[in-house]
C-alpha cells in the first residue's frame, strides 16, 4: 500500500511538472484532423539508436500502434533535434536522493543551450524552422484490440502499448494535445500511467546497461535512425 501511494504521489508530481510553455491545444475537431494530416507519420516500425554516455540504446519505434507519436519522434531524430539534449528529470535509483524506479525524461530542445538554467528545462517544445511555430502532436493511445488509436483524450481501456519497463513515451502537460519533443523512458512497470500518456516504442537493447544508469544532466550524444526510415511519411514538415 505504501508503494502504491508513493507511486500515485510521484505520478501527480510528474504530471504537474510537465507543463510546456506556449502550448495551445487544438479544440476544434476539424482543425485537429486537418493538422494531423500534415504531421509526420510512421507507417510500420523503425529502429533508432541513441547514444548516451558513450553507449548505445536501441529503440524499436512502433508506428503500427502509434503512427503520429512514432512519426514525430523519428522525424525529430532525423532533424538532429535530440543530438546534445539532456535528461533534465530522472526519478529512480540514480536520482539524488535515490527513489523507486520511475522515469528518465529528456528531449527538451532548450537543454542544448548551456545558458538556459536547469530550472527552466521541461518547458521547451520543438519549433519548426520553416514556420517558426511550435509543433504539437495529439495524445494518441490505441486501446487493445482497436483498429485505430483514440486521439486527444485519455482512455480507460487497456492500451495496446502499456507502460511496461523499458517503453518510451511522449511527455506532455495536462492539456492532452501538448506533446512536442520531450520523451521519457519508463524505468519500471507504470500501469497507473496507462491510457494517459502515449507510448510509442520500447528499448530492445541497452536498458540495464545504459538507461538504468542515466543521471540528471546526462546528454544524448547522438540519435540515428538505423532501420525503417523509409516508413516515415511527411518527414521534414
C-alpha atoms as a PDB file:
ATOM      1  CA  UNK A   1       0.000   0.000   0.000  1.00  0.00           C
ATOM      2  CA  UNK A   2       2.816   2.382   0.880  1.00  0.00           C
ATOM      3  CA  UNK A   3       4.464   1.807  -2.516  1.00  0.00           C
ATOM      4  CA  UNK A   4       1.144   2.361  -4.322  1.00  0.00           C
ATOM      5  CA  UNK A   5       0.610   5.668  -2.501  1.00  0.00           C
ATOM      6  CA  UNK A   6       4.192   6.648  -3.307  1.00  0.00           C
ATOM      7  CA  UNK A   7       3.614   5.875  -6.993  1.00  0.00           C
ATOM      8  CA  UNK A   8       0.435   7.944  -7.026  1.00  0.00           C
ATOM      9  CA  UNK A   9       2.233  10.893  -5.444  1.00  0.00           C
ATOM     10  CA  UNK A  10       5.055  10.650  -7.949  1.00  0.00           C
ATOM     11  CA  UNK A  11       2.540  10.468 -10.800  1.00  0.00           C
ATOM     12  CA  UNK A  12       0.822  13.616  -9.525  1.00  0.00           C
ATOM     13  CA  UNK A  13       4.131  15.455  -9.294  1.00  0.00           C
ATOM     14  CA  UNK A  14       5.190  14.094 -12.672  1.00  0.00           C
ATOM     15  CA  UNK A  15       2.049  15.325 -14.388  1.00  0.00           C
ATOM     16  CA  UNK A  16       2.269  18.699 -12.675  1.00  0.00           C
ATOM     17  CA  UNK A  17       5.897  19.201 -13.662  1.00  0.00           C
ATOM     18  CA  UNK A  18       5.477  18.607 -17.384  1.00  0.00           C
ATOM     19  CA  UNK A  19       3.967  21.988 -18.227  1.00  0.00           C
ATOM     20  CA  UNK A  20       5.095  23.105 -21.657  1.00  0.00           C
ATOM     21  CA  UNK A  21       5.145  26.854 -22.115  1.00  0.00           C
ATOM     22  CA  UNK A  22       3.350  28.247 -25.138  1.00  0.00           C
ATOM     23  CA  UNK A  23       1.138  25.200 -25.553  1.00  0.00           C
ATOM     24  CA  UNK A  24      -2.125  25.796 -27.388  1.00  0.00           C
ATOM     25  CA  UNK A  25      -4.196  22.648 -27.634  1.00  0.00           C
ATOM     26  CA  UNK A  26      -6.392  22.309 -30.718  1.00  0.00           C
ATOM     27  CA  UNK A  27     -10.027  22.332 -29.642  1.00  0.00           C
ATOM     28  CA  UNK A  28     -11.859  22.185 -32.961  1.00  0.00           C
ATOM     29  CA  UNK A  29     -12.211  18.635 -34.310  1.00  0.00           C
ATOM     30  CA  UNK A  30     -11.962  19.633 -37.990  1.00  0.00           C
ATOM     31  CA  UNK A  31      -8.900  21.784 -37.336  1.00  0.00           C
ATOM     32  CA  UNK A  32      -7.312  18.933 -35.390  1.00  0.00           C
ATOM     33  CA  UNK A  33      -7.978  16.476 -38.209  1.00  0.00           C
ATOM     34  CA  UNK A  34      -6.521  18.875 -40.770  1.00  0.00           C
ATOM     35  CA  UNK A  35      -3.438  19.443 -38.631  1.00  0.00           C
ATOM     36  CA  UNK A  36      -2.932  15.711 -38.124  1.00  0.00           C
ATOM     37  CA  UNK A  37      -2.819  15.180 -41.863  1.00  0.00           C
ATOM     38  CA  UNK A  38       0.271  17.401 -42.040  1.00  0.00           C
ATOM     39  CA  UNK A  39       2.149  15.742 -39.185  1.00  0.00           C
ATOM     40  CA  UNK A  40       4.887  13.154 -39.771  1.00  0.00           C
ATOM     41  CA  UNK A  41       3.589   9.590 -39.578  1.00  0.00           C
ATOM     42  CA  UNK A  42       5.406   6.302 -39.290  1.00  0.00           C
ATOM     43  CA  UNK A  43       3.766   3.527 -41.273  1.00  0.00           C
ATOM     44  CA  UNK A  44       5.209   0.417 -39.683  1.00  0.00           C
ATOM     45  CA  UNK A  45       8.270   0.253 -37.472  1.00  0.00           C
ATOM     46  CA  UNK A  46      11.693   1.845 -37.286  1.00  0.00           C
ATOM     47  CA  UNK A  47      14.822   1.399 -35.223  1.00  0.00           C
ATOM     48  CA  UNK A  48      16.597   4.293 -33.529  1.00  0.00           C
ATOM     49  CA  UNK A  49      19.986   4.007 -31.838  1.00  0.00           C
ATOM     50  CA  UNK A  50      20.517   6.658 -29.181  1.00  0.00           C
ATOM     51  CA  UNK A  51      23.980   7.041 -27.668  1.00  0.00           C
ATOM     52  CA  UNK A  52      24.236   8.151 -24.028  1.00  0.00           C
ATOM     53  CA  UNK A  53      27.482   8.173 -22.038  1.00  0.00           C
ATOM     54  CA  UNK A  54      29.229   6.515 -24.947  1.00  0.00           C
ATOM     55  CA  UNK A  55      26.903   3.506 -25.046  1.00  0.00           C
ATOM     56  CA  UNK A  56      24.026   2.657 -27.401  1.00  0.00           C
ATOM     57  CA  UNK A  57      20.339   2.353 -26.573  1.00  0.00           C
ATOM     58  CA  UNK A  58      18.397   0.548 -29.296  1.00  0.00           C
ATOM     59  CA  UNK A  59      14.758   1.622 -29.556  1.00  0.00           C
ATOM     60  CA  UNK A  60      12.038  -0.082 -31.596  1.00  0.00           C
ATOM     61  CA  UNK A  61       9.644   2.680 -32.654  1.00  0.00           C
ATOM     62  CA  UNK A  62       6.095   1.406 -33.225  1.00  0.00           C
ATOM     63  CA  UNK A  63       4.242   3.268 -35.949  1.00  0.00           C
ATOM     64  CA  UNK A  64       1.749   0.457 -36.281  1.00  0.00           C
ATOM     65  CA  UNK A  65       0.090   1.304 -32.972  1.00  0.00           C
ATOM     66  CA  UNK A  66       1.158   4.957 -32.561  1.00  0.00           C
ATOM     67  CA  UNK A  67       1.780   6.356 -36.058  1.00  0.00           C
ATOM     68  CA  UNK A  68       1.818  10.082 -35.193  1.00  0.00           C
ATOM     69  CA  UNK A  69       3.778   9.856 -31.948  1.00  0.00           C
ATOM     70  CA  UNK A  70       6.268   7.494 -33.594  1.00  0.00           C
ATOM     71  CA  UNK A  71       6.462   9.598 -36.751  1.00  0.00           C
ATOM     72  CA  UNK A  72       7.082  12.759 -34.751  1.00  0.00           C
ATOM     73  CA  UNK A  73       9.921  11.078 -32.836  1.00  0.00           C
ATOM     74  CA  UNK A  74      11.589   9.638 -35.945  1.00  0.00           C
ATOM     75  CA  UNK A  75      11.302  12.971 -37.754  1.00  0.00           C
ATOM     76  CA  UNK A  76      12.937  14.794 -34.828  1.00  0.00           C
ATOM     77  CA  UNK A  77      15.713  12.182 -34.739  1.00  0.00           C
ATOM     78  CA  UNK A  78      16.367  12.740 -38.440  1.00  0.00           C
ATOM     79  CA  UNK A  79      16.465  16.504 -37.914  1.00  0.00           C
ATOM     80  CA  UNK A  80      19.112  16.102 -35.213  1.00  0.00           C
ATOM     81  CA  UNK A  81      16.844  17.669 -32.590  1.00  0.00           C
ATOM     82  CA  UNK A  82      17.902  15.163 -29.933  1.00  0.00           C
ATOM     83  CA  UNK A  83      21.657  15.383 -30.519  1.00  0.00           C
ATOM     84  CA  UNK A  84      23.059  17.112 -27.438  1.00  0.00           C
ATOM     85  CA  UNK A  85      19.862  17.378 -25.381  1.00  0.00           C
ATOM     86  CA  UNK A  86      19.972  16.431 -21.716  1.00  0.00           C
ATOM     87  CA  UNK A  87      17.926  14.247 -19.408  1.00  0.00           C
ATOM     88  CA  UNK A  88      16.614  17.018 -17.209  1.00  0.00           C
ATOM     89  CA  UNK A  89      14.461  14.874 -14.921  1.00  0.00           C
ATOM     90  CA  UNK A  90      15.430  11.468 -13.552  1.00  0.00           C
ATOM     91  CA  UNK A  91      13.350   9.819 -10.842  1.00  0.00           C
ATOM     92  CA  UNK A  92      14.830   6.497  -9.849  1.00  0.00           C
ATOM     93  CA  UNK A  93      17.861   4.817  -8.289  1.00  0.00           C
ATOM     94  CA  UNK A  94      20.208   7.309  -9.994  1.00  0.00           C
ATOM     95  CA  UNK A  95      18.384  10.398  -8.712  1.00  0.00           C
ATOM     96  CA  UNK A  96      19.535  12.381  -5.681  1.00  0.00           C
ATOM     97  CA  UNK A  97      18.266  11.192  -3.298  1.00  0.00           C
ATOM     98  CA  UNK A  98      17.560   7.759  -4.818  1.00  0.00           C
ATOM     99  CA  UNK A  99      13.884   6.935  -5.488  1.00  0.00           C
ATOM    100  CA  UNK A 100      11.890   3.921  -6.570  1.00  0.00           C
ATOM    101  CA  UNK A 101      12.369   3.390 -10.343  1.00  0.00           C
ATOM    102  CA  UNK A 102      10.088   5.726 -12.298  1.00  0.00           C
ATOM    103  CA  UNK A 103      11.272   7.648 -15.371  1.00  0.00           C
ATOM    104  CA  UNK A 104      14.230   9.254 -17.135  1.00  0.00           C
ATOM    105  CA  UNK A 105      12.878  12.231 -19.068  1.00  0.00           C
ATOM    106  CA  UNK A 106      14.689  14.251 -21.735  1.00  0.00           C
ATOM    107  CA  UNK A 107      14.290  15.811 -25.150  1.00  0.00           C
ATOM    108  CA  UNK A 108      13.762  19.477 -24.239  1.00  0.00           C
ATOM    109  CA  UNK A 109      15.442  21.360 -27.140  1.00  0.00           C
ATOM    110  CA  UNK A 110      16.295  24.184 -24.731  1.00  0.00           C
ATOM    111  CA  UNK A 111      18.715  21.889 -22.918  1.00  0.00           C
ATOM    112  CA  UNK A 112      21.225  22.211 -25.775  1.00  0.00           C
ATOM    113  CA  UNK A 113      21.884  25.792 -24.666  1.00  0.00           C
ATOM    114  CA  UNK A 114      24.130  25.853 -21.567  1.00  0.00           C
ATOM    115  CA  UNK A 115      22.822  29.346 -20.767  1.00  0.00           C
ATOM    116  CA  UNK A 116      19.324  28.012 -20.063  1.00  0.00           C
ATOM    117  CA  UNK A 117      19.045  27.432 -16.293  1.00  0.00           C
ATOM    118  CA  UNK A 118      18.219  23.863 -15.195  1.00  0.00           C
ATOM    119  CA  UNK A 119      15.005  25.006 -13.511  1.00  0.00           C
ATOM    120  CA  UNK A 120      13.666  26.187 -16.886  1.00  0.00           C
ATOM    121  CA  UNK A 121      14.076  22.794 -18.531  1.00  0.00           C
ATOM    122  CA  UNK A 122      10.909  20.802 -19.094  1.00  0.00           C
ATOM    123  CA  UNK A 123       9.078  23.727 -20.675  1.00  0.00           C
ATOM    124  CA  UNK A 124      10.530  23.558 -24.197  1.00  0.00           C
ATOM    125  CA  UNK A 125       8.979  22.318 -27.447  1.00  0.00           C
ATOM    126  CA  UNK A 126      10.222  21.695 -30.974  1.00  0.00           C
ATOM    127  CA  UNK A 127       9.902  24.825 -33.083  1.00  0.00           C
ATOM    128  CA  UNK A 128       9.631  24.122 -36.796  1.00  0.00           C
ATOM    129  CA  UNK A 129      12.254  26.284 -38.528  1.00  0.00           C
ATOM    130  CA  UNK A 130      10.064  26.511 -41.647  1.00  0.00           C
ATOM    131  CA  UNK A 131       7.125  28.069 -39.838  1.00  0.00           C
ATOM    132  CA  UNK A 132       8.658  29.454 -36.662  1.00  0.00           C
ATOM    133  CA  UNK A 133       5.875  27.744 -34.727  1.00  0.00           C
ATOM    134  CA  UNK A 134       5.985  25.002 -32.129  1.00  0.00           C
ATOM    135  CA  UNK A 135       4.837  21.586 -33.298  1.00  0.00           C
ATOM    136  CA  UNK A 136       2.438  19.771 -31.007  1.00  0.00           C
ATOM    137  CA  UNK A 137       1.112  16.263 -31.521  1.00  0.00           C
ATOM    138  CA  UNK A 138      -2.210  14.942 -30.210  1.00  0.00           C
ATOM    139  CA  UNK A 139      -2.468  12.447 -27.402  1.00  0.00           C
ATOM    140  CA  UNK A 140      -2.576   9.113 -29.232  1.00  0.00           C
ATOM    141  CA  UNK A 141      -3.489   5.876 -27.455  1.00  0.00           C
ATOM    142  CA  UNK A 142      -4.716   2.709 -29.130  1.00  0.00           C
ATOM    143  CA  UNK A 143      -6.954   0.507 -26.997  1.00  0.00           C
ATOM    144  CA  UNK A 144      -6.111  -3.182 -27.066  1.00  0.00           C
ATOM    145  CA  UNK A 145      -7.902  -4.814 -29.980  1.00  0.00           C
ATOM    146  CA  UNK A 146      -8.995  -1.486 -31.530  1.00  0.00           C
ATOM    147  CA  UNK A 147      -8.474  -0.837 -35.216  1.00  0.00           C
ATOM    148  CA  UNK A 148      -7.402   2.795 -34.754  1.00  0.00           C
ATOM    149  CA  UNK A 149      -5.917   4.910 -31.957  1.00  0.00           C
ATOM    150  CA  UNK A 150      -8.019   7.306 -29.895  1.00  0.00           C
ATOM    151  CA  UNK A 151      -6.882  10.902 -30.224  1.00  0.00           C
ATOM    152  CA  UNK A 152      -6.912  13.931 -27.918  1.00  0.00           C
ATOM    153  CA  UNK A 153      -8.337  12.213 -24.857  1.00  0.00           C
ATOM    154  CA  UNK A 154      -7.369   9.658 -22.262  1.00  0.00           C
ATOM    155  CA  UNK A 155      -8.877   6.177 -22.311  1.00  0.00           C
ATOM    156  CA  UNK A 156      -9.936   3.738 -19.595  1.00  0.00           C
ATOM    157  CA  UNK A 157      -9.442   0.601 -21.671  1.00  0.00           C
ATOM    158  CA  UNK A 158      -6.194  -1.364 -21.572  1.00  0.00           C
ATOM    159  CA  UNK A 159      -3.846   0.075 -24.210  1.00  0.00           C
ATOM    160  CA  UNK A 160      -2.127  -1.842 -26.961  1.00  0.00           C
ATOM    161  CA  UNK A 161       1.168  -0.341 -25.747  1.00  0.00           C
ATOM    162  CA  UNK A 162       1.130  -0.427 -21.922  1.00  0.00           C
ATOM    163  CA  UNK A 163       3.642   1.240 -19.624  1.00  0.00           C
ATOM    164  CA  UNK A 164       5.990  -1.695 -19.188  1.00  0.00           C
ATOM    165  CA  UNK A 165       9.576  -1.223 -18.051  1.00  0.00           C
ATOM    166  CA  UNK A 166      11.671  -0.060 -20.997  1.00  0.00           C
ATOM    167  CA  UNK A 167       8.996   1.683 -23.047  1.00  0.00           C
ATOM    168  CA  UNK A 168       9.457   5.178 -24.420  1.00  0.00           C
ATOM    169  CA  UNK A 169       6.555   7.634 -24.334  1.00  0.00           C
ATOM    170  CA  UNK A 170       5.716  11.273 -25.007  1.00  0.00           C
ATOM    171  CA  UNK A 171       5.793  13.722 -22.106  1.00  0.00           C
ATOM    172  CA  UNK A 172       3.029  16.304 -22.070  1.00  0.00           C
ATOM    173  CA  UNK A 173       1.290  18.842 -19.872  1.00  0.00           C
ATOM    174  CA  UNK A 174      -2.231  18.406 -18.522  1.00  0.00           C
ATOM    175  CA  UNK A 175      -3.506  19.505 -21.956  1.00  0.00           C
ATOM    176  CA  UNK A 176      -3.923  16.288 -23.994  1.00  0.00           C
ATOM    177  CA  UNK A 177      -2.513  17.698 -27.240  1.00  0.00           C
ATOM    178  CA  UNK A 178       0.599  19.328 -25.791  1.00  0.00           C
ATOM    179  CA  UNK A 179       3.308  16.728 -26.522  1.00  0.00           C
ATOM    180  CA  UNK A 180       6.093  18.003 -28.739  1.00  0.00           C
ATOM    181  CA  UNK A 181       9.679  16.778 -28.366  1.00  0.00           C
ATOM    182  CA  UNK A 182      10.078  15.623 -24.778  1.00  0.00           C
ATOM    183  CA  UNK A 183      10.031  11.905 -24.064  1.00  0.00           C
ATOM    184  CA  UNK A 184      10.641   9.569 -21.150  1.00  0.00           C
ATOM    185  CA  UNK A 185      11.870   6.043 -20.589  1.00  0.00           C
ATOM    186  CA  UNK A 186       9.871   4.002 -18.069  1.00  0.00           C
ATOM    187  CA  UNK A 187      12.291   2.569 -15.501  1.00  0.00           C
ATOM    188  CA  UNK A 188       9.647   0.195 -14.133  1.00  0.00           C
ATOM    189  CA  UNK A 189       6.170  -1.086 -14.967  1.00  0.00           C
ATOM    190  CA  UNK A 190       3.950   2.005 -14.562  1.00  0.00           C
ATOM    191  CA  UNK A 191       0.447   0.670 -15.085  1.00  0.00           C
ATOM    192  CA  UNK A 192      -1.123   3.723 -13.420  1.00  0.00           C
ATOM    193  CA  UNK A 193       0.022   5.848 -16.407  1.00  0.00           C
ATOM    194  CA  UNK A 194      -1.727   3.593 -18.947  1.00  0.00           C
ATOM    195  CA  UNK A 195      -4.343   5.413 -21.001  1.00  0.00           C
ATOM    196  CA  UNK A 196      -2.981   8.844 -20.088  1.00  0.00           C
ATOM    197  CA  UNK A 197       0.320   9.085 -21.980  1.00  0.00           C
ATOM    198  CA  UNK A 198       1.295   7.991 -25.483  1.00  0.00           C
ATOM    199  CA  UNK A 199       3.719   5.082 -25.522  1.00  0.00           C
ATOM    200  CA  UNK A 200       5.286   4.742 -28.970  1.00  0.00           C
ATOM    201  CA  UNK A 201       8.128   2.250 -28.654  1.00  0.00           C
ATOM    202  CA  UNK A 202      10.401   0.226 -26.420  1.00  0.00           C
ATOM    203  CA  UNK A 203      14.062  -0.301 -25.638  1.00  0.00           C
ATOM    204  CA  UNK A 204      15.271  -3.567 -27.135  1.00  0.00           C
ATOM    205  CA  UNK A 205      18.918  -3.258 -26.110  1.00  0.00           C
ATOM    206  CA  UNK A 206      20.774  -1.180 -23.532  1.00  0.00           C
ATOM    207  CA  UNK A 207      18.131  -0.969 -20.815  1.00  0.00           C
ATOM    208  CA  UNK A 208      20.118  -2.478 -17.940  1.00  0.00           C
ATOM    209  CA  UNK A 209      23.492  -1.253 -19.153  1.00  0.00           C
ATOM    210  CA  UNK A 210      22.623   2.323 -20.180  1.00  0.00           C
ATOM    211  CA  UNK A 211      19.096   3.549 -19.446  1.00  0.00           C
ATOM    212  CA  UNK A 212      19.083   2.397 -15.812  1.00  0.00           C
ATOM    213  CA  UNK A 213      22.326   4.344 -15.239  1.00  0.00           C
ATOM    214  CA  UNK A 214      21.170   7.682 -16.692  1.00  0.00           C
ATOM    215  CA  UNK A 215      21.596  10.566 -14.268  1.00  0.00           C
ATOM    216  CA  UNK A 216      20.072  14.039 -14.381  1.00  0.00           C
ATOM    217  CA  UNK A 217      22.229  16.166 -16.674  1.00  0.00           C
ATOM    218  CA  UNK A 218      23.452  13.278 -18.854  1.00  0.00           C
ATOM    219  CA  UNK A 219      23.182  14.066 -22.553  1.00  0.00           C
ATOM    220  CA  UNK A 220      22.132  12.298 -25.724  1.00  0.00           C
ATOM    221  CA  UNK A 221      25.337  12.314 -27.719  1.00  0.00           C
ATOM    222  CA  UNK A 222      23.573  11.242 -30.895  1.00  0.00           C
ATOM    223  CA  UNK A 223      20.370   9.635 -32.159  1.00  0.00           C
ATOM    224  CA  UNK A 224      20.190   7.927 -35.541  1.00  0.00           C
ATOM    225  CA  UNK A 225      17.525   6.024 -37.483  1.00  0.00           C
ATOM    226  CA  UNK A 226      19.200   2.753 -38.444  1.00  0.00           C
ATOM    227  CA  UNK A 227      16.204   0.906 -39.922  1.00  0.00           C
ATOM    228  CA  UNK A 228      12.765   1.817 -41.226  1.00  0.00           C
ATOM    229  CA  UNK A 229      13.463   5.402 -42.323  1.00  0.00           C
ATOM    230  CA  UNK A 230      11.507   4.661 -45.494  1.00  0.00           C
ATOM    231  CA  UNK A 231       8.373   4.179 -43.374  1.00  0.00           C
ATOM    232  CA  UNK A 232       8.307   7.851 -42.370  1.00  0.00           C
ATOM    233  CA  UNK A 233       5.764   9.972 -44.261  1.00  0.00           C
ATOM    234  CA  UNK A 234       5.588  13.777 -44.199  1.00  0.00           C
ATOM    235  CA  UNK A 235       9.071  13.933 -42.727  1.00  0.00           C
ATOM    236  CA  UNK A 236      10.512  17.427 -42.668  1.00  0.00           C
ATOM    237  CA  UNK A 237       7.072  19.093 -42.494  1.00  0.00           C
END
